[in-house]
PDB file of N, CA and C in Angstrom:
ATOM      1  N   MET A   1       8.350  90.664   9.549  1.00  0.00           N
ATOM      2  CA  MET A   1       8.477  91.063   8.165  1.00  0.00           C
ATOM      3  C   MET A   1       7.647  90.147   7.249  1.00  0.00           C
ATOM      4  N   PHE A   2       7.659  88.843   7.561  1.00  0.00           N
ATOM      5  CA  PHE A   2       6.895  87.895   6.749  1.00  0.00           C
ATOM      6  C   PHE A   2       5.402  88.183   6.834  1.00  0.00           C
ATOM      7  N   ARG A   3       4.922  88.514   8.046  1.00  0.00           N
ATOM      8  CA  ARG A   3       3.504  88.850   8.222  1.00  0.00           C
ATOM      9  C   ARG A   3       3.135  90.103   7.439  1.00  0.00           C
ATOM     10  N   ALA A   4       4.012  91.034   7.424  1.00  0.00           N
ATOM     11  CA  ALA A   4       3.749  92.270   6.680  1.00  0.00           C
ATOM     12  C   ALA A   4       3.652  91.978   5.186  1.00  0.00           C
ATOM     13  N   LEU A   5       4.493  91.092   4.707  1.00  0.00           N
ATOM     14  CA  LEU A   5       4.462  90.722   3.293  1.00  0.00           C
ATOM     15  C   LEU A   5       3.156  90.005   2.951  1.00  0.00           C
ATOM     16  N   LEU A   6       2.722  89.076   3.830  1.00  0.00           N
ATOM     17  CA  LEU A   6       1.470  88.359   3.588  1.00  0.00           C
ATOM     18  C   LEU A   6       0.268  89.293   3.634  1.00  0.00           C
ATOM     19  N   SER A   7       0.243  90.181   4.601  1.00  0.00           N
ATOM     20  CA  SER A   7      -0.901  91.087   4.707  1.00  0.00           C
ATOM     21  C   SER A   7      -0.974  92.037   3.520  1.00  0.00           C
ATOM     22  N   SER A   8       0.161  92.377   2.959  1.00  0.00           N
ATOM     23  CA  SER A   8       0.137  93.267   1.795  1.00  0.00           C
ATOM     24  C   SER A   8      -0.228  92.516   0.517  1.00  0.00           C
ATOM     25  N   SER A   9       0.012  91.202   0.468  1.00  0.00           N
ATOM     26  CA  SER A   9      -0.279  90.444  -0.755  1.00  0.00           C
ATOM     27  C   SER A   9      -1.694  89.870  -0.767  1.00  0.00           C
ATOM     28  N   ARG A  10      -2.352  89.796   0.373  1.00  0.00           N
ATOM     29  CA  ARG A  10      -3.707  89.235   0.422  1.00  0.00           C
ATOM     30  C   ARG A  10      -4.702  90.008  -0.426  1.00  0.00           C
ATOM     31  N   PRO A  11      -4.697  91.324  -0.416  1.00  0.00           N
ATOM     32  CA  PRO A  11      -5.634  92.024  -1.304  1.00  0.00           C
ATOM     33  C   PRO A  11      -5.393  91.713  -2.777  1.00  0.00           C
ATOM     34  N   LEU A  12      -4.145  91.495  -3.147  1.00  0.00           N
ATOM     35  CA  LEU A  12      -3.838  91.159  -4.542  1.00  0.00           C
ATOM     36  C   LEU A  12      -4.396  89.788  -4.903  1.00  0.00           C
ATOM     37  N   LEU A  13      -4.253  88.829  -3.983  1.00  0.00           N
ATOM     38  CA  LEU A  13      -4.756  87.481  -4.258  1.00  0.00           C
ATOM     39  C   LEU A  13      -6.268  87.477  -4.369  1.00  0.00           C
ATOM     40  N   SER A  14      -6.941  88.237  -3.522  1.00  0.00           N
ATOM     41  CA  SER A  14      -8.401  88.264  -3.597  1.00  0.00           C
ATOM     42  C   SER A  14      -8.866  88.907  -4.896  1.00  0.00           C
ATOM     43  N   ARG A  15      -8.130  89.882  -5.402  1.00  0.00           N
ATOM     44  CA  ARG A  15      -8.488  90.500  -6.681  1.00  0.00           C
ATOM     45  C   ARG A  15      -8.307  89.515  -7.832  1.00  0.00           C
ATOM     46  N   LEU A  16      -7.245  88.723  -7.775  1.00  0.00           N
ATOM     47  CA  LEU A  16      -7.008  87.736  -8.834  1.00  0.00           C
ATOM     48  C   LEU A  16      -8.111  86.683  -8.844  1.00  0.00           C
ATOM     49  N   ARG A  17      -8.507  86.225  -7.682  1.00  0.00           N
ATOM     50  CA  ARG A  17      -9.556  85.207  -7.598  1.00  0.00           C
ATOM     51  C   ARG A  17     -10.896  85.751  -8.063  1.00  0.00           C
ATOM     52  N   ALA A  18     -11.193  86.986  -7.726  1.00  0.00           N
ATOM     53  CA  ALA A  18     -12.464  87.590  -8.122  1.00  0.00           C
ATOM     54  C   ALA A  18     -12.523  87.811  -9.626  1.00  0.00           C
ATOM     55  N   SER A  19     -11.385  88.142 -10.234  1.00  0.00           N
ATOM     56  CA  SER A  19     -11.385  88.393 -11.673  1.00  0.00           C
ATOM     57  C   SER A  19     -11.496  87.101 -12.475  1.00  0.00           C
ATOM     58  N   ALA A  20     -11.092  85.985 -11.871  1.00  0.00           N
ATOM     59  CA  ALA A  20     -11.165  84.712 -12.581  1.00  0.00           C
ATOM     60  C   ALA A  20     -12.603  84.247 -12.740  1.00  0.00           C
ATOM     61  N   GLY A  21     -13.505  84.756 -11.934  1.00  0.00           N
ATOM     62  CA  GLY A  21     -14.910  84.369 -12.023  1.00  0.00           C
ATOM     63  C   GLY A  21     -15.192  83.171 -11.151  1.00  0.00           C
ATOM     64  N   PRO A  22     -16.444  82.832 -11.007  1.00  0.00           N
ATOM     65  CA  PRO A  22     -16.791  81.686 -10.156  1.00  0.00           C
ATOM     66  C   PRO A  22     -16.337  80.380 -10.795  1.00  0.00           C
ATOM     67  N   HIS A  23     -15.887  79.480  -9.956  1.00  0.00           N
ATOM     68  CA  HIS A  23     -15.417  78.180 -10.432  1.00  0.00           C
ATOM     69  C   HIS A  23     -16.608  77.234 -10.529  1.00  0.00           C
ATOM     70  N   VAL A  24     -16.817  76.676 -11.690  1.00  0.00           N
ATOM     71  CA  VAL A  24     -17.946  75.781 -11.915  1.00  0.00           C
ATOM     72  C   VAL A  24     -17.432  74.348 -11.946  1.00  0.00           C
ATOM     73  N   HIS A  25     -18.032  73.493 -11.116  1.00  0.00           N
ATOM     74  CA  HIS A  25     -17.669  72.077 -11.091  1.00  0.00           C
ATOM     75  C   HIS A  25     -18.591  71.321 -12.034  1.00  0.00           C
ATOM     76  N   ASN A  26     -18.023  70.565 -12.937  1.00  0.00           N
ATOM     77  CA  ASN A  26     -18.816  69.749 -13.856  1.00  0.00           C
ATOM     78  C   ASN A  26     -18.703  68.289 -13.442  1.00  0.00           C
ATOM     79  N   HIS A  27     -19.412  67.935 -12.405  1.00  0.00           N
ATOM     80  CA  HIS A  27     -19.392  66.561 -11.932  1.00  0.00           C
ATOM     81  C   HIS A  27     -20.569  65.804 -12.528  1.00  0.00           C
ATOM     82  N   ALA A  28     -20.313  64.579 -12.951  1.00  0.00           N
ATOM     83  CA  ALA A  28     -21.356  63.774 -13.589  1.00  0.00           C
ATOM     84  C   ALA A  28     -22.477  63.425 -12.615  1.00  0.00           C
ATOM     85  N   HIS A  29     -22.139  63.229 -11.331  1.00  0.00           N
ATOM     86  CA  HIS A  29     -23.182  62.848 -10.379  1.00  0.00           C
ATOM     87  C   HIS A  29     -24.170  63.982 -10.131  1.00  0.00           C
ATOM     88  N   LEU A  30     -23.790  65.211 -10.418  1.00  0.00           N
ATOM     89  CA  LEU A  30     -24.711  66.328 -10.254  1.00  0.00           C
ATOM     90  C   LEU A  30     -25.667  66.443 -11.432  1.00  0.00           C
ATOM     91  N   LEU A  31     -25.295  65.876 -12.576  1.00  0.00           N
ATOM     92  CA  LEU A  31     -26.124  65.961 -13.766  1.00  0.00           C
ATOM     93  C   LEU A  31     -27.208  64.889 -13.804  1.00  0.00           C
ATOM     94  N   ILE A  32     -27.033  63.802 -13.051  1.00  0.00           N
ATOM     95  CA  ILE A  32     -27.992  62.696 -13.037  1.00  0.00           C
ATOM     96  C   ILE A  32     -29.103  63.034 -12.046  1.00  0.00           C
ATOM     97  N   PRO A  33     -30.364  62.889 -12.428  1.00  0.00           N
ATOM     98  CA  PRO A  33     -31.455  63.168 -11.490  1.00  0.00           C
ATOM     99  C   PRO A  33     -31.387  62.264 -10.261  1.00  0.00           C
ATOM    100  N   ALA A  34     -31.922  62.731  -9.157  1.00  0.00           N
ATOM    101  CA  ALA A  34     -31.863  61.990  -7.893  1.00  0.00           C
ATOM    102  C   ALA A  34     -32.578  60.648  -7.990  1.00  0.00           C
ATOM    103  N   THR A  35     -33.633  60.563  -8.796  1.00  0.00           N
ATOM    104  CA  THR A  35     -34.356  59.294  -8.911  1.00  0.00           C
ATOM    105  C   THR A  35     -33.515  58.247  -9.618  1.00  0.00           C
ATOM    106  N   MET A  36     -32.669  58.672 -10.538  1.00  0.00           N
ATOM    107  CA  MET A  36     -31.812  57.726 -11.257  1.00  0.00           C
ATOM    108  C   MET A  36     -30.669  57.248 -10.368  1.00  0.00           C
ATOM    109  N   GLN A  37     -30.191  58.082  -9.442  1.00  0.00           N
ATOM    110  CA  GLN A  37     -29.082  57.703  -8.582  1.00  0.00           C
ATOM    111  C   GLN A  37     -29.485  56.620  -7.595  1.00  0.00           C
ATOM    112  N   ALA A  38     -30.709  56.659  -7.106  1.00  0.00           N
ATOM    113  CA  ALA A  38     -31.138  55.730  -6.071  1.00  0.00           C
ATOM    114  C   ALA A  38     -31.421  54.335  -6.627  1.00  0.00           C
ATOM    115  N   THR A  39     -31.783  54.225  -7.906  1.00  0.00           N
ATOM    116  CA  THR A  39     -32.127  52.924  -8.461  1.00  0.00           C
ATOM    117  C   THR A  39     -30.916  52.301  -9.145  1.00  0.00           C
ATOM    118  N   PRO A  40     -30.551  51.084  -8.773  1.00  0.00           N
ATOM    119  CA  PRO A  40     -29.424  50.428  -9.433  1.00  0.00           C
ATOM    120  C   PRO A  40     -29.825  49.928 -10.820  1.00  0.00           C
ATOM    121  N   MET A  41     -28.840  49.655 -11.644  1.00  0.00           N
ATOM    122  CA  MET A  41     -29.107  49.106 -12.967  1.00  0.00           C
ATOM    123  C   MET A  41     -29.564  47.660 -12.786  1.00  0.00           C
ATOM    124  N   LEU A  42     -30.690  47.319 -13.384  1.00  0.00           N
ATOM    125  CA  LEU A  42     -31.276  45.999 -13.195  1.00  0.00           C
ATOM    126  C   LEU A  42     -31.152  45.123 -14.436  1.00  0.00           C
ATOM    127  N   ALA A  43     -30.188  45.367 -15.274  1.00  0.00           N
ATOM    128  CA  ALA A  43     -30.011  44.577 -16.486  1.00  0.00           C
ATOM    129  C   ALA A  43     -29.116  43.378 -16.181  1.00  0.00           C
ATOM    130  N   ARG A  44     -29.525  42.226 -16.643  1.00  0.00           N
ATOM    131  CA  ARG A  44     -28.716  41.023 -16.464  1.00  0.00           C
ATOM    132  C   ARG A  44     -28.318  40.497 -17.827  1.00  0.00           C
ATOM    133  N   GLY A  45     -27.157  39.890 -17.885  1.00  0.00           N
ATOM    134  CA  GLY A  45     -26.697  39.295 -19.122  1.00  0.00           C
ATOM    135  C   GLY A  45     -27.165  37.861 -19.230  1.00  0.00           C
ATOM    136  N   MET A  46     -26.735  37.224 -20.297  1.00  0.00           N
ATOM    137  CA  MET A  46     -27.086  35.820 -20.525  1.00  0.00           C
ATOM    138  C   MET A  46     -25.984  34.923 -19.980  1.00  0.00           C
ATOM    139  N   LYS A  47     -26.385  33.796 -19.434  1.00  0.00           N
ATOM    140  CA  LYS A  47     -25.412  32.770 -19.077  1.00  0.00           C
ATOM    141  C   LYS A  47     -25.071  32.017 -20.352  1.00  0.00           C
ATOM    142  N   VAL A  48     -23.802  31.875 -20.646  1.00  0.00           N
ATOM    143  CA  VAL A  48     -23.367  31.158 -21.846  1.00  0.00           C
ATOM    144  C   VAL A  48     -23.092  29.719 -21.435  1.00  0.00           C
ATOM    145  N   ARG A  49     -23.849  28.799 -22.000  1.00  0.00           N
ATOM    146  CA  ARG A  49     -23.752  27.399 -21.593  1.00  0.00           C
ATOM    147  C   ARG A  49     -23.538  26.501 -22.797  1.00  0.00           C
ATOM    148  N   SER A  50     -22.899  25.354 -22.545  1.00  0.00           N
ATOM    149  CA  SER A  50     -22.744  24.367 -23.613  1.00  0.00           C
ATOM    150  C   SER A  50     -24.005  23.530 -23.758  1.00  0.00           C
ATOM    151  N   SER A  51     -24.831  23.481 -22.730  1.00  0.00           N
ATOM    152  CA  SER A  51     -26.153  22.852 -22.834  1.00  0.00           C
ATOM    153  C   SER A  51     -27.117  23.674 -21.987  1.00  0.00           C
ATOM    154  N   VAL A  52     -28.173  24.135 -22.629  1.00  0.00           N
ATOM    155  CA  VAL A  52     -29.152  24.955 -21.922  1.00  0.00           C
ATOM    156  C   VAL A  52     -30.322  24.086 -21.489  1.00  0.00           C
ATOM    157  N   LYS A  53     -30.968  24.463 -20.413  1.00  0.00           N
ATOM    158  CA  LYS A  53     -32.127  23.711 -19.934  1.00  0.00           C
ATOM    159  C   LYS A  53     -33.088  24.661 -19.238  1.00  0.00           C
ATOM    160  N   ARG A  54     -34.346  24.270 -19.212  1.00  0.00           N
ATOM    161  CA  ARG A  54     -35.367  25.044 -18.518  1.00  0.00           C
ATOM    162  C   ARG A  54     -35.187  24.866 -17.015  1.00  0.00           C
ATOM    163  N   MET A  55     -35.255  25.957 -16.299  1.00  0.00           N
ATOM    164  CA  MET A  55     -35.067  25.897 -14.848  1.00  0.00           C
ATOM    165  C   MET A  55     -36.391  25.936 -14.089  1.00  0.00           C
ATOM    166  N   CYS A  56     -37.430  26.530 -14.704  1.00  0.00           N
ATOM    167  CA  CYS A  56     -38.722  26.623 -14.020  1.00  0.00           C
ATOM    168  C   CYS A  56     -39.843  26.656 -15.059  1.00  0.00           C
ATOM    169  N   ASP A  57     -41.074  26.845 -14.609  1.00  0.00           N
ATOM    170  CA  ASP A  57     -42.226  26.882 -15.514  1.00  0.00           C
ATOM    171  C   ASP A  57     -42.247  28.132 -16.382  1.00  0.00           C
ATOM    172  N   GLY A  58     -41.597  29.200 -15.937  1.00  0.00           N
ATOM    173  CA  GLY A  58     -41.587  30.452 -16.698  1.00  0.00           C
ATOM    174  C   GLY A  58     -40.565  30.472 -17.815  1.00  0.00           C
ATOM    175  N   CYS A  59     -39.667  29.497 -17.858  1.00  0.00           N
ATOM    176  CA  CYS A  59     -38.619  29.458 -18.882  1.00  0.00           C
ATOM    177  C   CYS A  59     -39.188  28.972 -20.209  1.00  0.00           C
ATOM    178  N   SER A  60     -38.815  29.630 -21.284  1.00  0.00           N
ATOM    179  CA  SER A  60     -39.247  29.199 -22.619  1.00  0.00           C
ATOM    180  C   SER A  60     -38.047  29.180 -23.551  1.00  0.00           C
ATOM    181  N   VAL A  61     -38.076  28.252 -24.508  1.00  0.00           N
ATOM    182  CA  VAL A  61     -36.987  28.086 -25.468  1.00  0.00           C
ATOM    183  C   VAL A  61     -37.305  28.915 -26.704  1.00  0.00           C
ATOM    184  N   VAL A  62     -36.326  29.719 -27.136  1.00  0.00           N
ATOM    185  CA  VAL A  62     -36.488  30.578 -28.309  1.00  0.00           C
ATOM    186  C   VAL A  62     -35.283  30.360 -29.209  1.00  0.00           C
ATOM    187  N   LYS A  63     -35.530  30.241 -30.521  1.00  0.00           N
ATOM    188  CA  LYS A  63     -34.435  30.074 -31.468  1.00  0.00           C
ATOM    189  C   LYS A  63     -34.363  31.321 -32.336  1.00  0.00           C
ATOM    190  N   ARG A  64     -33.246  32.034 -32.247  1.00  0.00           N
ATOM    191  CA  ARG A  64     -33.027  33.250 -33.024  1.00  0.00           C
ATOM    192  C   ARG A  64     -31.593  33.284 -33.518  1.00  0.00           C
ATOM    193  N   LYS A  65     -31.414  33.697 -34.755  1.00  0.00           N
ATOM    194  CA  LYS A  65     -30.080  33.906 -35.346  1.00  0.00           C
ATOM    195  C   LYS A  65     -29.180  32.679 -35.213  1.00  0.00           C
ATOM    196  N   GLY A  66     -29.760  31.495 -35.340  1.00  0.00           N
ATOM    197  CA  GLY A  66     -28.971  30.268 -35.274  1.00  0.00           C
ATOM    198  C   GLY A  66     -28.547  29.882 -33.867  1.00  0.00           C
ATOM    199  N   ARG A  67     -29.101  30.499 -32.882  1.00  0.00           N
ATOM    200  CA  ARG A  67     -28.767  30.177 -31.499  1.00  0.00           C
ATOM    201  C   ARG A  67     -30.025  29.778 -30.749  1.00  0.00           C
ATOM    202  N   ILE A  68     -29.835  29.091 -29.653  1.00  0.00           N
ATOM    203  CA  ILE A  68     -30.948  28.702 -28.796  1.00  0.00           C
ATOM    204  C   ILE A  68     -30.858  29.529 -27.515  1.00  0.00           C
ATOM    205  N   TYR A  69     -31.948  30.214 -27.185  1.00  0.00           N
ATOM    206  CA  TYR A  69     -32.014  31.048 -25.993  1.00  0.00           C
ATOM    207  C   TYR A  69     -33.053  30.489 -25.036  1.00  0.00           C
ATOM    208  N   ILE A  70     -32.784  30.597 -23.759  1.00  0.00           N
ATOM    209  CA  ILE A  70     -33.775  30.339 -22.725  1.00  0.00           C
ATOM    210  C   ILE A  70     -34.125  31.703 -22.141  1.00  0.00           C
ATOM    211  N   ILE A  71     -35.400  32.071 -22.246  1.00  0.00           N
ATOM    212  CA  ILE A  71     -35.891  33.337 -21.717  1.00  0.00           C
ATOM    213  C   ILE A  71     -36.875  33.004 -20.604  1.00  0.00           C
ATOM    214  N   CYS A  72     -36.728  33.644 -19.448  1.00  0.00           N
ATOM    215  CA  CYS A  72     -37.607  33.355 -18.319  1.00  0.00           C
ATOM    216  C   CYS A  72     -38.396  34.598 -17.926  1.00  0.00           C
ATOM    217  N   SER A  73     -39.706  34.437 -17.830  1.00  0.00           N
ATOM    218  CA  SER A  73     -40.564  35.549 -17.431  1.00  0.00           C
ATOM    219  C   SER A  73     -40.665  35.675 -15.914  1.00  0.00           C
ATOM    220  N   LYS A  74     -40.316  34.621 -15.192  1.00  0.00           N
ATOM    221  CA  LYS A  74     -40.431  34.648 -13.731  1.00  0.00           C
ATOM    222  C   LYS A  74     -39.138  35.052 -13.036  1.00  0.00           C
ATOM    223  N   ASN A  75     -38.001  34.620 -13.564  1.00  0.00           N
ATOM    224  CA  ASN A  75     -36.723  34.893 -12.908  1.00  0.00           C
ATOM    225  C   ASN A  75     -35.675  35.273 -13.954  1.00  0.00           C
ATOM    226  N   PRO A  76     -35.205  36.518 -13.972  1.00  0.00           N
ATOM    227  CA  PRO A  76     -34.226  36.940 -14.981  1.00  0.00           C
ATOM    228  C   PRO A  76     -32.885  36.218 -14.884  1.00  0.00           C
ATOM    229  N   LYS A  77     -32.604  35.591 -13.750  1.00  0.00           N
ATOM    230  CA  LYS A  77     -31.340  34.860 -13.607  1.00  0.00           C
ATOM    231  C   LYS A  77     -31.294  33.609 -14.476  1.00  0.00           C
ATOM    232  N   HIS A  78     -32.425  33.153 -14.981  1.00  0.00           N
ATOM    233  CA  HIS A  78     -32.485  31.922 -15.767  1.00  0.00           C
ATOM    234  C   HIS A  78     -32.132  32.121 -17.235  1.00  0.00           C
ATOM    235  N   LYS A  79     -31.850  33.347 -17.683  1.00  0.00           N
ATOM    236  CA  LYS A  79     -31.564  33.581 -19.108  1.00  0.00           C
ATOM    237  C   LYS A  79     -30.269  32.877 -19.506  1.00  0.00           C
ATOM    238  N   GLN A  80     -30.343  32.126 -20.621  1.00  0.00           N
ATOM    239  CA  GLN A  80     -29.192  31.358 -21.097  1.00  0.00           C
ATOM    240  C   GLN A  80     -29.104  31.442 -22.613  1.00  0.00           C
ATOM    241  N   VAL A  81     -27.917  31.162 -23.134  1.00  0.00           N
ATOM    242  CA  VAL A  81     -27.720  31.140 -24.581  1.00  0.00           C
ATOM    243  C   VAL A  81     -26.798  29.975 -24.944  1.00  0.00           C
ATOM    244  N   TYR A  82     -27.100  29.344 -26.098  1.00  0.00           N
ATOM    245  CA  TYR A  82     -26.256  28.289 -26.661  1.00  0.00           C
ATOM    246  C   TYR A  82     -26.299  28.437 -28.168  1.00  0.00           C
ATOM    247  N   PRO A  83     -25.300  28.269 -28.933  1.00  0.00           N
ATOM    248  CA  PRO A  83     -23.899  28.042 -28.589  1.00  0.00           C
ATOM    249  C   PRO A  83     -23.204  29.354 -28.254  1.00  0.00           C
ATOM    250  N   PRO A  84     -22.111  29.280 -27.537  1.00  0.00           N
ATOM    251  CA  PRO A  84     -21.365  30.498 -27.217  1.00  0.00           C
ATOM    252  C   PRO A  84     -20.728  31.096 -28.468  1.00  0.00           C
ATOM    253  N   GLN A  85     -20.460  32.380 -28.429  1.00  0.00           N
ATOM    254  CA  GLN A  85     -19.810  33.044 -29.564  1.00  0.00           C
ATOM    255  C   GLN A  85     -18.369  32.582 -29.662  1.00  0.00           C
ATOM    256  N   ALA A  86     -17.895  32.458 -30.895  1.00  0.00           N
ATOM    257  CA  ALA A  86     -16.495  32.096 -31.106  1.00  0.00           C
ATOM    258  C   ALA A  86     -15.621  33.289 -30.755  1.00  0.00           C
ATOM    259  N   ARG A  87     -14.533  33.032 -30.059  1.00  0.00           N
ATOM    260  CA  ARG A  87     -13.620  34.106 -29.669  1.00  0.00           C
ATOM    261  C   ARG A  87     -12.766  34.510 -30.853  1.00  0.00           C
ATOM    262  N   SER A  88     -12.587  35.798 -31.002  1.00  0.00           N
ATOM    263  CA  SER A  88     -11.726  36.286 -32.091  1.00  0.00           C
ATOM    264  C   SER A  88     -10.326  36.530 -31.542  1.00  0.00           C
ATOM    265  N   PRO A  89      -9.282  36.099 -32.264  1.00  0.00           N
ATOM    266  CA  PRO A  89      -7.908  36.246 -31.741  1.00  0.00           C
ATOM    267  C   PRO A  89      -7.429  37.665 -31.747  1.00  0.00           C
TER     268      PRO A  89
END
């Protein structure tokens, strides 16, 4: 009896699914081009230090907005900033 009930209800279920239309998935990974997915983000932040120093020949000292920055053209890991920002409570 259960099989008979299922076999009689299957055509109804297929009609309901067909009337709902195709299901569209909106996944973010499908919207990003393949070239962007393969390359990782290469942005580095600044090291916040109480005393900054040059690490190599490519490092240069820059003073902007009342702060001292070390910017390195050879190695991005050498970027530093002094003084650190004051924390807001």
